[in-house]
Amino acid sequence: MTRVRYFAGAAEATGTESEHLDVSTLADLRLMILERHGSAFERVLGRCSLLLNGTLTEDPGTALSEGDTVDVLPPFAGG
């Protein structure tokens, strides 16, 4: 299973900080989390960056393996 961690507004929109999902690609992951968390989360997800094991990934065909971690990071400002 892939561990998905949600941060800031993504955690707020899903109501959880993490979950484990059985998916094989990044595209499958996106579909599953949208099915689980609905249209309100879809607006958030569209602005988020996805990190696979700490590395930014955008290719929906990226394969996910047992034990991977995907971080869902909304845009944020710092100072």
N, C-alpha and C. Protein backbone atom coordinates (compact mmCIF):
# COMPACT_ATOMS: atom_id res chain seq x y z
N MET A 1 0.84 -1.19 0.00
CA MET A 1 0.00 0.00 0.00
C MET A 1 0.87 1.24 0.00
N THR A 2 0.32 2.30 -0.54
CA THR A 2 1.00 3.58 -0.58
C THR A 2 0.46 4.46 0.55
N ARG A 3 1.36 5.07 1.29
CA ARG A 3 0.95 6.00 2.34
C ARG A 3 0.79 7.38 1.70
N VAL A 4 -0.35 8.01 1.94
CA VAL A 4 -0.62 9.35 1.43
C VAL A 4 -0.72 10.28 2.63
N ARG A 5 0.11 11.32 2.63
CA ARG A 5 0.09 12.29 3.72
C ARG A 5 -0.42 13.62 3.17
N TYR A 6 -1.38 14.21 3.89
CA TYR A 6 -1.99 15.48 3.50
C TYR A 6 -1.50 16.57 4.44
N PHE A 7 -1.19 17.72 3.88
CA PHE A 7 -0.68 18.83 4.67
C PHE A 7 -1.58 20.06 4.50
N ALA A 8 -1.61 20.88 5.55
CA ALA A 8 -2.30 22.18 5.55
C ALA A 8 -3.73 22.05 5.00
N GLY A 9 -4.07 22.82 3.97
CA GLY A 9 -5.42 22.84 3.42
C GLY A 9 -5.87 21.50 2.87
N ALA A 10 -4.93 20.67 2.42
CA ALA A 10 -5.29 19.34 1.93
C ALA A 10 -5.77 18.46 3.08
N ALA A 11 -5.10 18.55 4.22
CA ALA A 11 -5.53 17.79 5.40
C ALA A 11 -6.89 18.28 5.89
N GLU A 12 -7.08 19.57 5.84
CA GLU A 12 -8.36 20.14 6.26
C GLU A 12 -9.49 19.68 5.34
N ALA A 13 -9.23 19.67 4.04
CA ALA A 13 -10.26 19.29 3.07
C ALA A 13 -10.61 17.81 3.14
N THR A 14 -9.63 16.96 3.48
CA THR A 14 -9.90 15.52 3.56
C THR A 14 -10.36 15.08 4.94
N GLY A 15 -10.05 15.90 5.94
CA GLY A 15 -10.40 15.53 7.31
C GLY A 15 -9.44 14.52 7.92
N THR A 16 -8.29 14.33 7.28
CA THR A 16 -7.29 13.39 7.81
C THR A 16 -5.90 13.87 7.42
N GLU A 17 -4.91 13.43 8.18
CA GLU A 17 -3.53 13.78 7.86
C GLU A 17 -2.85 12.71 7.02
N SER A 18 -3.39 11.48 7.05
CA SER A 18 -2.79 10.42 6.22
C SER A 18 -3.75 9.25 6.08
N GLU A 19 -3.48 8.45 5.05
CA GLU A 19 -4.22 7.23 4.83
C GLU A 19 -3.37 6.32 3.95
N HIS A 20 -3.70 5.04 3.94
CA HIS A 20 -3.00 4.07 3.10
C HIS A 20 -3.95 3.61 2.01
N LEU A 21 -3.45 3.63 0.75
CA LEU A 21 -4.28 3.27 -0.39
C LEU A 21 -3.58 2.23 -1.24
N ASP A 22 -4.34 1.31 -1.80
CA ASP A 22 -3.81 0.28 -2.67
C ASP A 22 -4.00 0.73 -4.12
N VAL A 23 -2.98 1.38 -4.66
CA VAL A 23 -3.02 1.90 -6.03
C VAL A 23 -1.70 1.58 -6.72
N SER A 24 -1.71 1.60 -8.07
CA SER A 24 -0.49 1.23 -8.80
C SER A 24 0.18 2.38 -9.52
N THR A 25 -0.56 3.47 -9.78
CA THR A 25 0.04 4.63 -10.46
C THR A 25 -0.43 5.92 -9.79
N LEU A 26 0.25 6.98 -10.12
CA LEU A 26 -0.13 8.30 -9.60
C LEU A 26 -1.54 8.67 -10.08
N ALA A 27 -1.87 8.33 -11.32
CA ALA A 27 -3.22 8.61 -11.84
C ALA A 27 -4.27 7.87 -11.02
N ASP A 28 -4.01 6.60 -10.70
CA ASP A 28 -4.94 5.82 -9.87
C ASP A 28 -5.10 6.46 -8.50
N LEU A 29 -4.00 6.94 -7.95
CA LEU A 29 -4.04 7.58 -6.64
C LEU A 29 -4.93 8.82 -6.69
N ARG A 30 -4.74 9.65 -7.69
CA ARG A 30 -5.55 10.86 -7.81
C ARG A 30 -7.04 10.51 -7.90
N LEU A 31 -7.37 9.52 -8.72
CA LEU A 31 -8.77 9.12 -8.86
C LEU A 31 -9.35 8.62 -7.54
N MET A 32 -8.58 7.79 -6.84
CA MET A 32 -9.09 7.22 -5.60
C MET A 32 -9.31 8.29 -4.53
N ILE A 33 -8.36 9.22 -4.41
CA ILE A 33 -8.55 10.23 -3.36
C ILE A 33 -9.68 11.18 -3.71
N LEU A 34 -9.91 11.42 -5.00
CA LEU A 34 -11.06 12.24 -5.39
C LEU A 34 -12.37 11.52 -5.10
N GLU A 35 -12.40 10.21 -5.36
CA GLU A 35 -13.61 9.43 -5.05
C GLU A 35 -13.89 9.43 -3.55
N ARG A 36 -12.83 9.33 -2.75
CA ARG A 36 -13.00 9.26 -1.30
C ARG A 36 -13.37 10.60 -0.67
N HIS A 37 -12.86 11.70 -1.24
CA HIS A 37 -12.98 12.98 -0.56
C HIS A 37 -13.80 14.02 -1.30
N GLY A 38 -14.30 13.69 -2.47
CA GLY A 38 -15.30 14.50 -3.15
C GLY A 38 -14.84 15.76 -3.86
N SER A 39 -15.82 16.48 -4.35
CA SER A 39 -15.57 17.64 -5.20
C SER A 39 -14.91 18.80 -4.46
N ALA A 40 -15.16 18.94 -3.18
CA ALA A 40 -14.50 20.01 -2.42
C ALA A 40 -12.99 19.80 -2.41
N PHE A 41 -12.58 18.54 -2.31
CA PHE A 41 -11.15 18.26 -2.32
C PHE A 41 -10.57 18.41 -3.72
N GLU A 42 -11.37 18.21 -4.75
CA GLU A 42 -10.90 18.34 -6.13
C GLU A 42 -10.32 19.74 -6.38
N ARG A 43 -10.97 20.75 -5.83
CA ARG A 43 -10.47 22.13 -6.00
C ARG A 43 -9.11 22.30 -5.33
N VAL A 44 -8.93 21.68 -4.19
CA VAL A 44 -7.66 21.76 -3.46
C VAL A 44 -6.58 20.98 -4.21
N LEU A 45 -6.90 19.75 -4.61
CA LEU A 45 -5.93 18.89 -5.26
C LEU A 45 -5.37 19.50 -6.54
N GLY A 46 -6.19 20.23 -7.26
CA GLY A 46 -5.74 20.87 -8.50
C GLY A 46 -4.63 21.87 -8.31
N ARG A 47 -4.45 22.35 -7.10
CA ARG A 47 -3.40 23.33 -6.81
C ARG A 47 -2.22 22.72 -6.06
N CYS A 48 -2.31 21.45 -5.74
CA CYS A 48 -1.29 20.81 -4.90
C CYS A 48 -0.12 20.26 -5.72
N SER A 49 1.01 20.18 -5.06
CA SER A 49 2.16 19.46 -5.57
C SER A 49 2.15 18.08 -4.93
N LEU A 50 2.61 17.08 -5.68
CA LEU A 50 2.71 15.73 -5.16
C LEU A 50 4.18 15.33 -5.11
N LEU A 51 4.60 14.89 -3.94
CA LEU A 51 5.97 14.42 -3.77
C LEU A 51 5.93 12.91 -3.56
N LEU A 52 6.66 12.18 -4.37
CA LEU A 52 6.77 10.73 -4.23
C LEU A 52 8.10 10.45 -3.55
N ASN A 53 8.04 9.96 -2.34
CA ASN A 53 9.24 9.67 -1.55
C ASN A 53 10.18 10.88 -1.52
N GLY A 54 9.58 12.08 -1.40
CA GLY A 54 10.33 13.31 -1.25
C GLY A 54 10.71 14.00 -2.54
N THR A 55 10.32 13.45 -3.69
CA THR A 55 10.67 14.04 -4.99
C THR A 55 9.41 14.45 -5.73
N LEU A 56 9.39 15.70 -6.21
CA LEU A 56 8.25 16.20 -6.96
C LEU A 56 7.99 15.31 -8.17
N THR A 57 6.74 14.93 -8.36
CA THR A 57 6.37 14.12 -9.52
C THR A 57 5.07 14.65 -10.10
N GLU A 58 5.01 14.69 -11.43
CA GLU A 58 3.82 15.19 -12.11
C GLU A 58 3.28 14.21 -13.15
N ASP A 59 4.06 13.20 -13.50
CA ASP A 59 3.67 12.24 -14.52
C ASP A 59 2.61 11.29 -13.96
N PRO A 60 1.39 11.33 -14.50
CA PRO A 60 0.32 10.47 -13.98
C PRO A 60 0.63 8.99 -14.13
N GLY A 61 1.51 8.62 -15.04
CA GLY A 61 1.86 7.22 -15.25
C GLY A 61 2.91 6.69 -14.29
N THR A 62 3.39 7.54 -13.39
CA THR A 62 4.41 7.12 -12.43
C THR A 62 3.91 5.94 -11.62
N ALA A 63 4.70 4.87 -11.61
CA ALA A 63 4.33 3.66 -10.86
C ALA A 63 4.55 3.87 -9.37
N LEU A 64 3.63 3.35 -8.58
CA LEU A 64 3.75 3.39 -7.13
C LEU A 64 3.97 1.96 -6.63
N SER A 65 4.85 1.84 -5.65
CA SER A 65 5.20 0.52 -5.11
C SER A 65 4.84 0.43 -3.65
N GLU A 66 4.75 -0.78 -3.17
CA GLU A 66 4.51 -1.05 -1.76
C GLU A 66 5.50 -0.25 -0.91
N GLY A 67 4.98 0.49 0.06
CA GLY A 67 5.84 1.25 0.96
C GLY A 67 6.16 2.66 0.52
N ASP A 68 5.72 3.07 -0.68
CA ASP A 68 5.93 4.45 -1.13
C ASP A 68 5.13 5.41 -0.27
N THR A 69 5.61 6.65 -0.22
CA THR A 69 4.88 7.73 0.45
C THR A 69 4.67 8.86 -0.53
N VAL A 70 3.42 9.31 -0.65
CA VAL A 70 3.08 10.46 -1.48
C VAL A 70 2.60 11.56 -0.56
N ASP A 71 3.26 12.72 -0.63
CA ASP A 71 2.86 13.89 0.14
C ASP A 71 2.04 14.81 -0.76
N VAL A 72 0.90 15.25 -0.26
CA VAL A 72 0.02 16.18 -0.99
C VAL A 72 0.20 17.54 -0.32
N LEU A 73 0.86 18.44 -1.05
CA LEU A 73 1.24 19.74 -0.49
C LEU A 73 0.55 20.87 -1.24
N PRO A 74 -0.35 21.59 -0.57
CA PRO A 74 -0.94 22.77 -1.20
C PRO A 74 0.09 23.89 -1.24
N PRO A 75 -0.13 24.89 -2.11
CA PRO A 75 0.80 26.02 -2.12
C PRO A 75 0.77 26.73 -0.76
N PHE A 76 1.91 27.22 -0.37
CA PHE A 76 1.98 27.95 0.89
C PHE A 76 3.05 29.03 0.76
N ALA A 77 2.94 30.01 1.61
CA ALA A 77 3.91 31.11 1.63
C ALA A 77 4.64 31.06 2.96
N GLY A 78 5.85 31.45 2.94
CA GLY A 78 6.64 31.46 4.15
C GLY A 78 7.42 32.75 4.27
N GLY A 79 8.02 32.91 5.39
CA GLY A 79 8.78 34.13 5.55
C GLY A 79 9.84 33.99 6.59
